[in-house]
Amino acid sequence: MLPLIQAAIVHAQFETIHPFTGGNGRVGRALIHTVLARRGLTERAVLPISLVLATLRDAYVTGLNAYRHDAPAASADASASINAWLATFVRASAIAVEQSKTLMEQIEDLRSDRTDRLSTYRKSVGLRAIPRADSAVARLPGQLPEAPVVTATTLSTILGISFPAANGALEELRHADVLRTRSIERGAAAYLTRDVLDLITLAEGALASTKFDTRTAPPNRAVPARPENGAPRS
């Protein structure tokens, strides 16, 4: 809890000072995640707290205004004002955690589908259904949620393997309909995990809904367009 309180105070203090002519919002949001990362609360991920605060903008503004009180220090009124802001921030953090957990569970559900597609393809071309555990094609699916768009060059760096091995793994997953390709600069190909990108798009839409569920309330701010493949609403 202490890292959350520190992040909340740092953000509110910065937004109150508002030191720059532009970019204060971006810096203020970055400070939240910087504090949480340095305090060890989010070492490997970024919680979408700022997106939740943007959705709950009325409560956000009310909380910040309460924080900017003029009551005597250490008074009951001062404590109440600060606690009002902290309650808003902690609630937004809890929602961000729940939405992130939902996205992680959805991405994890994709693993079995990828495994089935790869096994079906490998059997169709006379290969063993399950690749060796240390092979690039076996290791690659675990990297896709963290790197949904890769090239053979970047994958070789991520997995510490040769370019041909990386390219072969990517091509095998493309033939298995796990990855798609898109041409980029100088004729190179990028490999996309479309289903992961679609889930991220849907998650961003859910984060913009005041009910955090687009089935019950539409987004209240601009979000990326829904995927065209008919993915279920989140």
C-alpha atoms as a PDB file:
ATOM      1  CA  MET A   1       0.000   0.000   0.000  1.00  0.00           C
ATOM      2  CA  LEU A   2       2.812   2.463   0.781  1.00  0.00           C
ATOM      3  CA  PRO A   3       4.073   2.578  -2.857  1.00  0.00           C
ATOM      4  CA  LEU A   4       0.525   3.388  -3.996  1.00  0.00           C
ATOM      5  CA  ILE A   5       0.244   6.204  -1.473  1.00  0.00           C
ATOM      6  CA  GLN A   6       3.614   7.580  -2.525  1.00  0.00           C
ATOM      7  CA  ALA A   7       2.647   7.447  -6.205  1.00  0.00           C
ATOM      8  CA  ALA A   8      -0.652   9.162  -5.451  1.00  0.00           C
ATOM      9  CA  ILE A   9       1.030  11.973  -3.504  1.00  0.00           C
ATOM     10  CA  VAL A  10       3.774  12.473  -6.089  1.00  0.00           C
ATOM     11  CA  HIS A  11       1.202  12.698  -8.881  1.00  0.00           C
ATOM     12  CA  ALA A  12      -1.041  15.104  -6.986  1.00  0.00           C
ATOM     13  CA  GLN A  13       1.877  17.296  -5.937  1.00  0.00           C
ATOM     14  CA  PHE A  14       3.195  17.512  -9.477  1.00  0.00           C
ATOM     15  CA  GLU A  15      -0.232  18.295 -10.952  1.00  0.00           C
ATOM     16  CA  THR A  16      -0.710  20.963  -8.288  1.00  0.00           C
ATOM     17  CA  ILE A  17       2.632  22.616  -9.063  1.00  0.00           C
ATOM     18  CA  HIS A  18       2.041  22.249 -12.837  1.00  0.00           C
ATOM     19  CA  PRO A  19       5.568  23.495 -13.603  1.00  0.00           C
ATOM     20  CA  PHE A  20       5.673  23.342 -17.409  1.00  0.00           C
ATOM     21  CA  THR A  21       3.869  25.236 -20.157  1.00  0.00           C
ATOM     22  CA  GLY A  22       3.007  21.922 -21.797  1.00  0.00           C
ATOM     23  CA  GLY A  23       3.292  18.206 -21.198  1.00  0.00           C
ATOM     24  CA  ASN A  24       2.397  18.293 -17.509  1.00  0.00           C
ATOM     25  CA  GLY A  25      -0.225  15.563 -17.926  1.00  0.00           C
ATOM     26  CA  ARG A  26       2.194  13.166 -19.604  1.00  0.00           C
ATOM     27  CA  VAL A  27       4.898  13.787 -17.015  1.00  0.00           C
ATOM     28  CA  GLY A  28       2.417  13.430 -14.163  1.00  0.00           C
ATOM     29  CA  ARG A  29       1.222  10.073 -15.504  1.00  0.00           C
ATOM     30  CA  ALA A  30       4.787   8.888 -16.039  1.00  0.00           C
ATOM     31  CA  LEU A  31       5.623   9.736 -12.442  1.00  0.00           C
ATOM     32  CA  ILE A  32       2.955   7.308 -11.216  1.00  0.00           C
ATOM     33  CA  HIS A  33       4.535   4.378 -13.017  1.00  0.00           C
ATOM     34  CA  THR A  34       8.073   5.493 -12.201  1.00  0.00           C
ATOM     35  CA  VAL A  35       7.320   5.447  -8.482  1.00  0.00           C
ATOM     36  CA  LEU A  36       5.597   2.059  -8.643  1.00  0.00           C
ATOM     37  CA  ALA A  37       8.459   0.561 -10.641  1.00  0.00           C
ATOM     38  CA  ARG A  38      11.178   1.946  -8.373  1.00  0.00           C
ATOM     39  CA  ARG A  39       9.336   0.759  -5.289  1.00  0.00           C
ATOM     40  CA  GLY A  40       9.230  -2.766  -6.775  1.00  0.00           C
ATOM     41  CA  LEU A  41       5.465  -2.952  -7.164  1.00  0.00           C
ATOM     42  CA  THR A  42       5.432  -3.153 -10.966  1.00  0.00           C
ATOM     43  CA  GLU A  43       8.896  -4.312 -11.983  1.00  0.00           C
ATOM     44  CA  ARG A  44       7.748  -6.163 -15.119  1.00  0.00           C
ATOM     45  CA  ALA A  45       4.540  -4.402 -16.118  1.00  0.00           C
ATOM     46  CA  VAL A  46       2.823  -1.036 -16.309  1.00  0.00           C
ATOM     47  CA  LEU A  47      -0.600  -0.888 -14.671  1.00  0.00           C
ATOM     48  CA  PRO A  48      -3.102   1.230 -16.665  1.00  0.00           C
ATOM     49  CA  ILE A  49      -3.874   3.454 -13.671  1.00  0.00           C
ATOM     50  CA  SER A  50      -3.725   6.652 -15.709  1.00  0.00           C
ATOM     51  CA  LEU A  51      -6.240   5.221 -18.217  1.00  0.00           C
ATOM     52  CA  VAL A  52      -8.640   4.400 -15.382  1.00  0.00           C
ATOM     53  CA  LEU A  53      -8.254   7.905 -13.959  1.00  0.00           C
ATOM     54  CA  ALA A  54      -9.010   9.319 -17.417  1.00  0.00           C
ATOM     55  CA  THR A  55     -12.220   7.279 -17.524  1.00  0.00           C
ATOM     56  CA  LEU A  56     -13.207   8.334 -14.002  1.00  0.00           C
ATOM     57  CA  ARG A  57     -12.325  11.930 -14.841  1.00  0.00           C
ATOM     58  CA  ASP A  58     -15.036  13.522 -12.665  1.00  0.00           C
ATOM     59  CA  ALA A  59     -13.866  11.609  -9.587  1.00  0.00           C
ATOM     60  CA  TYR A  60     -10.256  12.306 -10.608  1.00  0.00           C
ATOM     61  CA  VAL A  61     -10.738  16.069 -10.782  1.00  0.00           C
ATOM     62  CA  THR A  62     -12.776  16.064  -7.580  1.00  0.00           C
ATOM     63  CA  GLY A  63     -10.052  14.104  -5.794  1.00  0.00           C
ATOM     64  CA  LEU A  64      -7.277  16.404  -6.986  1.00  0.00           C
ATOM     65  CA  ASN A  65      -9.269  19.475  -6.007  1.00  0.00           C
ATOM     66  CA  ALA A  66      -9.822  17.986  -2.564  1.00  0.00           C
ATOM     67  CA  TYR A  67      -6.086  17.395  -2.246  1.00  0.00           C
ATOM     68  CA  ARG A  68      -5.425  21.077  -2.980  1.00  0.00           C
ATOM     69  CA  HIS A  69      -6.994  22.124   0.309  1.00  0.00           C
ATOM     70  CA  ASP A  70      -6.274  25.226   2.347  1.00  0.00           C
ATOM     71  CA  ALA A  71      -7.045  23.706   5.738  1.00  0.00           C
ATOM     72  CA  PRO A  72      -4.438  23.997   8.507  1.00  0.00           C
ATOM     73  CA  ALA A  73      -1.778  21.288   8.349  1.00  0.00           C
ATOM     74  CA  ALA A  74      -2.447  18.228  10.513  1.00  0.00           C
ATOM     75  CA  SER A  75      -6.071  19.274  10.977  1.00  0.00           C
ATOM     76  CA  ALA A  76      -9.004  16.909  10.558  1.00  0.00           C
ATOM     77  CA  ASP A  77     -10.083  18.804   7.435  1.00  0.00           C
ATOM     78  CA  ALA A  78      -6.618  18.460   5.918  1.00  0.00           C
ATOM     79  CA  SER A  79      -6.572  14.726   6.583  1.00  0.00           C
ATOM     80  CA  ALA A  80     -10.051  14.323   5.107  1.00  0.00           C
ATOM     81  CA  SER A  81      -9.022  16.194   1.943  1.00  0.00           C
ATOM     82  CA  ILE A  82      -5.900  14.097   1.417  1.00  0.00           C
ATOM     83  CA  ASN A  83      -7.780  10.872   2.149  1.00  0.00           C
ATOM     84  CA  ALA A  84     -10.410  11.775  -0.447  1.00  0.00           C
ATOM     85  CA  TRP A  85      -7.718  11.914  -3.134  1.00  0.00           C
ATOM     86  CA  LEU A  86      -6.014   8.743  -1.880  1.00  0.00           C
ATOM     87  CA  ALA A  87      -9.323   6.867  -1.965  1.00  0.00           C
ATOM     88  CA  THR A  88      -9.823   7.885  -5.603  1.00  0.00           C
ATOM     89  CA  PHE A  89      -6.301   6.844  -6.555  1.00  0.00           C
ATOM     90  CA  VAL A  90      -6.432   3.506  -4.718  1.00  0.00           C
ATOM     91  CA  ARG A  91      -9.785   2.685  -6.311  1.00  0.00           C
ATOM     92  CA  ALA A  92      -8.355   3.427  -9.756  1.00  0.00           C
ATOM     93  CA  SER A  93      -5.354   1.220  -8.965  1.00  0.00           C
ATOM     94  CA  ALA A  94      -7.599  -1.667  -7.895  1.00  0.00           C
ATOM     95  CA  ILE A  95      -9.602  -1.402 -11.122  1.00  0.00           C
ATOM     96  CA  ALA A  96      -6.368  -1.303 -13.148  1.00  0.00           C
ATOM     97  CA  VAL A  97      -5.181  -4.488 -11.433  1.00  0.00           C
ATOM     98  CA  GLU A  98      -8.461  -6.306 -12.127  1.00  0.00           C
ATOM     99  CA  GLN A  99      -8.512  -5.244 -15.768  1.00  0.00           C
ATOM    100  CA  SER A 100      -4.890  -6.320 -16.182  1.00  0.00           C
ATOM    101  CA  LYS A 101      -5.638  -9.712 -14.621  1.00  0.00           C
ATOM    102  CA  THR A 102      -8.529 -10.188 -17.034  1.00  0.00           C
ATOM    103  CA  LEU A 103      -6.285  -9.394 -19.998  1.00  0.00           C
ATOM    104  CA  MET A 104      -3.616 -11.803 -18.732  1.00  0.00           C
ATOM    105  CA  GLU A 105      -6.180 -14.586 -18.369  1.00  0.00           C
ATOM    106  CA  GLN A 106      -7.484 -13.971 -21.882  1.00  0.00           C
ATOM    107  CA  ILE A 107      -3.975 -14.046 -23.313  1.00  0.00           C
ATOM    108  CA  GLU A 108      -3.221 -17.240 -21.398  1.00  0.00           C
ATOM    109  CA  ASP A 109      -6.336 -18.833 -22.932  1.00  0.00           C
ATOM    110  CA  LEU A 110      -4.807 -18.214 -26.349  1.00  0.00           C
ATOM    111  CA  ARG A 111      -1.884 -20.517 -25.566  1.00  0.00           C
ATOM    112  CA  SER A 112      -3.907 -23.718 -25.895  1.00  0.00           C
ATOM    113  CA  ASP A 113      -5.339 -22.540 -29.215  1.00  0.00           C
ATOM    114  CA  ARG A 114      -1.836 -21.761 -30.510  1.00  0.00           C
ATOM    115  CA  THR A 115      -0.605 -25.172 -29.355  1.00  0.00           C
ATOM    116  CA  ASP A 116      -3.467 -26.894 -31.170  1.00  0.00           C
ATOM    117  CA  ARG A 117      -2.836 -24.960 -34.382  1.00  0.00           C
ATOM    118  CA  LEU A 118       0.864 -25.695 -34.322  1.00  0.00           C
ATOM    119  CA  SER A 119       0.326 -29.400 -33.591  1.00  0.00           C
ATOM    120  CA  THR A 120      -2.215 -29.711 -36.400  1.00  0.00           C
ATOM    121  CA  TYR A 121       0.141 -28.050 -38.865  1.00  0.00           C
ATOM    122  CA  ARG A 122       3.163 -30.091 -37.844  1.00  0.00           C
ATOM    123  CA  LYS A 123       1.278 -33.359 -38.188  1.00  0.00           C
ATOM    124  CA  SER A 124       0.012 -32.284 -41.612  1.00  0.00           C
ATOM    125  CA  VAL A 125       3.597 -31.938 -42.879  1.00  0.00           C
ATOM    126  CA  GLY A 126       4.885 -35.124 -41.255  1.00  0.00           C
ATOM    127  CA  LEU A 127       6.562 -33.606 -38.196  1.00  0.00           C
ATOM    128  CA  ARG A 128       6.117 -34.629 -34.588  1.00  0.00           C
ATOM    129  CA  ALA A 129       3.145 -32.811 -33.099  1.00  0.00           C
ATOM    130  CA  ILE A 130       5.105 -31.349 -30.192  1.00  0.00           C
ATOM    131  CA  PRO A 131       8.449 -29.681 -31.044  1.00  0.00           C
ATOM    132  CA  ARG A 132      11.519 -30.122 -28.835  1.00  0.00           C
ATOM    133  CA  ALA A 133      11.243 -28.002 -25.700  1.00  0.00           C
ATOM    134  CA  ASP A 134      14.545 -26.232 -26.430  1.00  0.00           C
ATOM    135  CA  SER A 135      13.715 -25.480 -30.067  1.00  0.00           C
ATOM    136  CA  ALA A 136      13.002 -21.945 -31.258  1.00  0.00           C
ATOM    137  CA  VAL A 137       9.498 -22.844 -32.411  1.00  0.00           C
ATOM    138  CA  ALA A 138       8.670 -24.188 -28.942  1.00  0.00           C
ATOM    139  CA  ARG A 139      10.100 -21.142 -27.147  1.00  0.00           C
ATOM    140  CA  LEU A 140       8.602 -18.521 -29.451  1.00  0.00           C
ATOM    141  CA  PRO A 141       4.913 -18.743 -28.399  1.00  0.00           C
ATOM    142  CA  GLY A 142       5.837 -17.788 -24.844  1.00  0.00           C
ATOM    143  CA  GLN A 143       7.348 -14.528 -26.144  1.00  0.00           C
ATOM    144  CA  LEU A 144       4.391 -13.488 -28.277  1.00  0.00           C
ATOM    145  CA  PRO A 145       2.360 -11.691 -25.574  1.00  0.00           C
ATOM    146  CA  GLU A 146       5.395  -9.553 -24.705  1.00  0.00           C
ATOM    147  CA  ALA A 147       6.433  -9.007 -28.323  1.00  0.00           C
ATOM    148  CA  PRO A 148       3.305  -9.279 -30.495  1.00  0.00           C
ATOM    149  CA  VAL A 149       5.161  -7.713 -33.433  1.00  0.00           C
ATOM    150  CA  VAL A 150       8.635  -9.035 -34.217  1.00  0.00           C
ATOM    151  CA  THR A 151      11.075  -9.546 -37.044  1.00  0.00           C
ATOM    152  CA  ALA A 152      13.528 -12.401 -37.442  1.00  0.00           C
ATOM    153  CA  THR A 153      16.299 -10.017 -36.404  1.00  0.00           C
ATOM    154  CA  THR A 154      14.613  -8.928 -33.169  1.00  0.00           C
ATOM    155  CA  LEU A 155      13.558 -12.472 -32.342  1.00  0.00           C
ATOM    156  CA  SER A 156      17.107 -13.735 -32.742  1.00  0.00           C
ATOM    157  CA  THR A 157      18.156 -11.156 -30.142  1.00  0.00           C
ATOM    158  CA  ILE A 158      15.276 -11.972 -27.768  1.00  0.00           C
ATOM    159  CA  LEU A 159      15.880 -15.734 -27.828  1.00  0.00           C
ATOM    160  CA  GLY A 160      19.639 -15.586 -28.329  1.00  0.00           C
ATOM    161  CA  ILE A 161      19.515 -17.721 -31.478  1.00  0.00           C
ATOM    162  CA  SER A 162      20.750 -17.374 -35.052  1.00  0.00           C
ATOM    163  CA  PHE A 163      18.836 -15.444 -37.686  1.00  0.00           C
ATOM    164  CA  PRO A 164      18.036 -18.593 -39.731  1.00  0.00           C
ATOM    165  CA  ALA A 165      16.657 -20.348 -36.624  1.00  0.00           C
ATOM    166  CA  ALA A 166      14.519 -17.332 -35.766  1.00  0.00           C
ATOM    167  CA  ASN A 167      13.266 -16.985 -39.313  1.00  0.00           C
ATOM    168  CA  GLY A 168      12.460 -20.710 -39.497  1.00  0.00           C
ATOM    169  CA  ALA A 169      10.434 -20.577 -36.273  1.00  0.00           C
ATOM    170  CA  LEU A 170       8.503 -17.527 -37.432  1.00  0.00           C
ATOM    171  CA  GLU A 171       7.732 -19.100 -40.793  1.00  0.00           C
ATOM    172  CA  GLU A 172       6.540 -22.319 -39.144  1.00  0.00           C
ATOM    173  CA  LEU A 173       4.128 -20.385 -36.930  1.00  0.00           C
ATOM    174  CA  ARG A 174       2.979 -18.410 -39.945  1.00  0.00           C
ATOM    175  CA  HIS A 175       2.150 -21.593 -41.821  1.00  0.00           C
ATOM    176  CA  ALA A 176       0.341 -22.835 -38.709  1.00  0.00           C
ATOM    177  CA  ASP A 177      -1.849 -19.677 -38.831  1.00  0.00           C
ATOM    178  CA  VAL A 178      -0.508 -18.438 -35.509  1.00  0.00           C
ATOM    179  CA  LEU A 179       1.292 -15.432 -36.998  1.00  0.00           C
ATOM    180  CA  ARG A 180       0.613 -13.110 -39.899  1.00  0.00           C
ATOM    181  CA  THR A 181       3.102 -11.055 -41.871  1.00  0.00           C
ATOM    182  CA  ARG A 182       3.254  -7.444 -42.920  1.00  0.00           C
ATOM    183  CA  SER A 183       5.858  -5.806 -45.120  1.00  0.00           C
ATOM    184  CA  ILE A 184       7.932  -3.085 -43.500  1.00  0.00           C
ATOM    185  CA  GLU A 185      10.881  -0.995 -44.630  1.00  0.00           C
ATOM    186  CA  ARG A 186      13.348  -2.313 -47.223  1.00  0.00           C
ATOM    187  CA  GLY A 187      11.231  -5.339 -48.004  1.00  0.00           C
ATOM    188  CA  ALA A 188      11.630  -6.914 -44.572  1.00  0.00           C
ATOM    189  CA  ALA A 189       8.694  -8.731 -42.981  1.00  0.00           C
ATOM    190  CA  ALA A 190       7.200  -8.183 -39.556  1.00  0.00           C
ATOM    191  CA  TYR A 191       5.328 -11.053 -37.905  1.00  0.00           C
ATOM    192  CA  LEU A 192       2.169 -10.123 -36.002  1.00  0.00           C
ATOM    193  CA  THR A 193       0.271 -11.974 -33.296  1.00  0.00           C
ATOM    194  CA  ARG A 194      -3.094 -10.650 -34.382  1.00  0.00           C
ATOM    195  CA  ASP A 195      -5.120 -12.247 -31.588  1.00  0.00           C
ATOM    196  CA  VAL A 196      -2.964 -10.640 -28.879  1.00  0.00           C
ATOM    197  CA  LEU A 197      -3.190  -7.235 -30.549  1.00  0.00           C
ATOM    198  CA  ASP A 198      -6.972  -7.617 -30.802  1.00  0.00           C
ATOM    199  CA  LEU A 199      -7.248  -8.436 -27.108  1.00  0.00           C
ATOM    200  CA  ILE A 200      -5.172  -5.366 -26.240  1.00  0.00           C
ATOM    201  CA  THR A 201      -7.468  -3.228 -28.400  1.00  0.00           C
ATOM    202  CA  LEU A 202     -10.558  -4.622 -26.672  1.00  0.00           C
ATOM    203  CA  ALA A 203      -8.949  -4.129 -23.264  1.00  0.00           C
ATOM    204  CA  GLU A 204      -8.268  -0.473 -24.058  1.00  0.00           C
ATOM    205  CA  GLY A 205     -11.922  -0.057 -25.016  1.00  0.00           C
ATOM    206  CA  ALA A 206     -13.011  -1.650 -21.731  1.00  0.00           C
ATOM    207  CA  LEU A 207     -10.727   0.701 -19.798  1.00  0.00           C
ATOM    208  CA  ALA A 208     -12.540   3.642 -21.390  1.00  0.00           C
ATOM    209  CA  SER A 209     -15.972   2.377 -20.305  1.00  0.00           C
ATOM    210  CA  THR A 210     -17.351   3.830 -17.081  1.00  0.00           C
ATOM    211  CA  LYS A 211     -18.474   0.281 -16.222  1.00  0.00           C
ATOM    212  CA  PHE A 212     -15.147  -1.125 -17.526  1.00  0.00           C
ATOM    213  CA  ASP A 213     -17.213  -3.410 -19.738  1.00  0.00           C
ATOM    214  CA  THR A 214     -18.266  -2.267 -23.211  1.00  0.00           C
ATOM    215  CA  ARG A 215     -21.276  -4.580 -23.098  1.00  0.00           C
ATOM    216  CA  THR A 216     -22.904  -2.399 -20.460  1.00  0.00           C
ATOM    217  CA  ALA A 217     -21.424   1.044 -21.180  1.00  0.00           C
ATOM    218  CA  PRO A 218     -19.635   2.323 -24.307  1.00  0.00           C
ATOM    219  CA  PRO A 219     -16.231   4.018 -24.107  1.00  0.00           C
ATOM    220  CA  ASN A 220     -16.477   7.628 -22.940  1.00  0.00           C
ATOM    221  CA  ARG A 221     -13.325   8.758 -24.746  1.00  0.00           C
ATOM    222  CA  ALA A 222     -11.459   8.005 -27.960  1.00  0.00           C
ATOM    223  CA  VAL A 223     -10.126   4.446 -28.260  1.00  0.00           C
ATOM    224  CA  PRO A 224      -8.760   2.347 -31.141  1.00  0.00           C
ATOM    225  CA  ALA A 225     -11.360   0.901 -33.498  1.00  0.00           C
ATOM    226  CA  ARG A 226     -12.701  -2.528 -32.611  1.00  0.00           C
ATOM    227  CA  PRO A 227     -11.012  -5.496 -34.355  1.00  0.00           C
ATOM    228  CA  GLU A 228     -12.582  -6.469 -37.649  1.00  0.00           C
ATOM    229  CA  ASN A 229     -12.470 -10.207 -36.940  1.00  0.00           C
ATOM    230  CA  GLY A 230     -15.551 -10.234 -34.735  1.00  0.00           C
ATOM    231  CA  ALA A 231     -13.695 -10.823 -31.473  1.00  0.00           C
ATOM    232  CA  PRO A 232     -16.049 -10.857 -28.482  1.00  0.00           C
ATOM    233  CA  ARG A 233     -16.579  -7.655 -26.567  1.00  0.00           C
ATOM    234  CA  SER A 234     -14.711  -7.290 -23.322  1.00  0.00           C
END
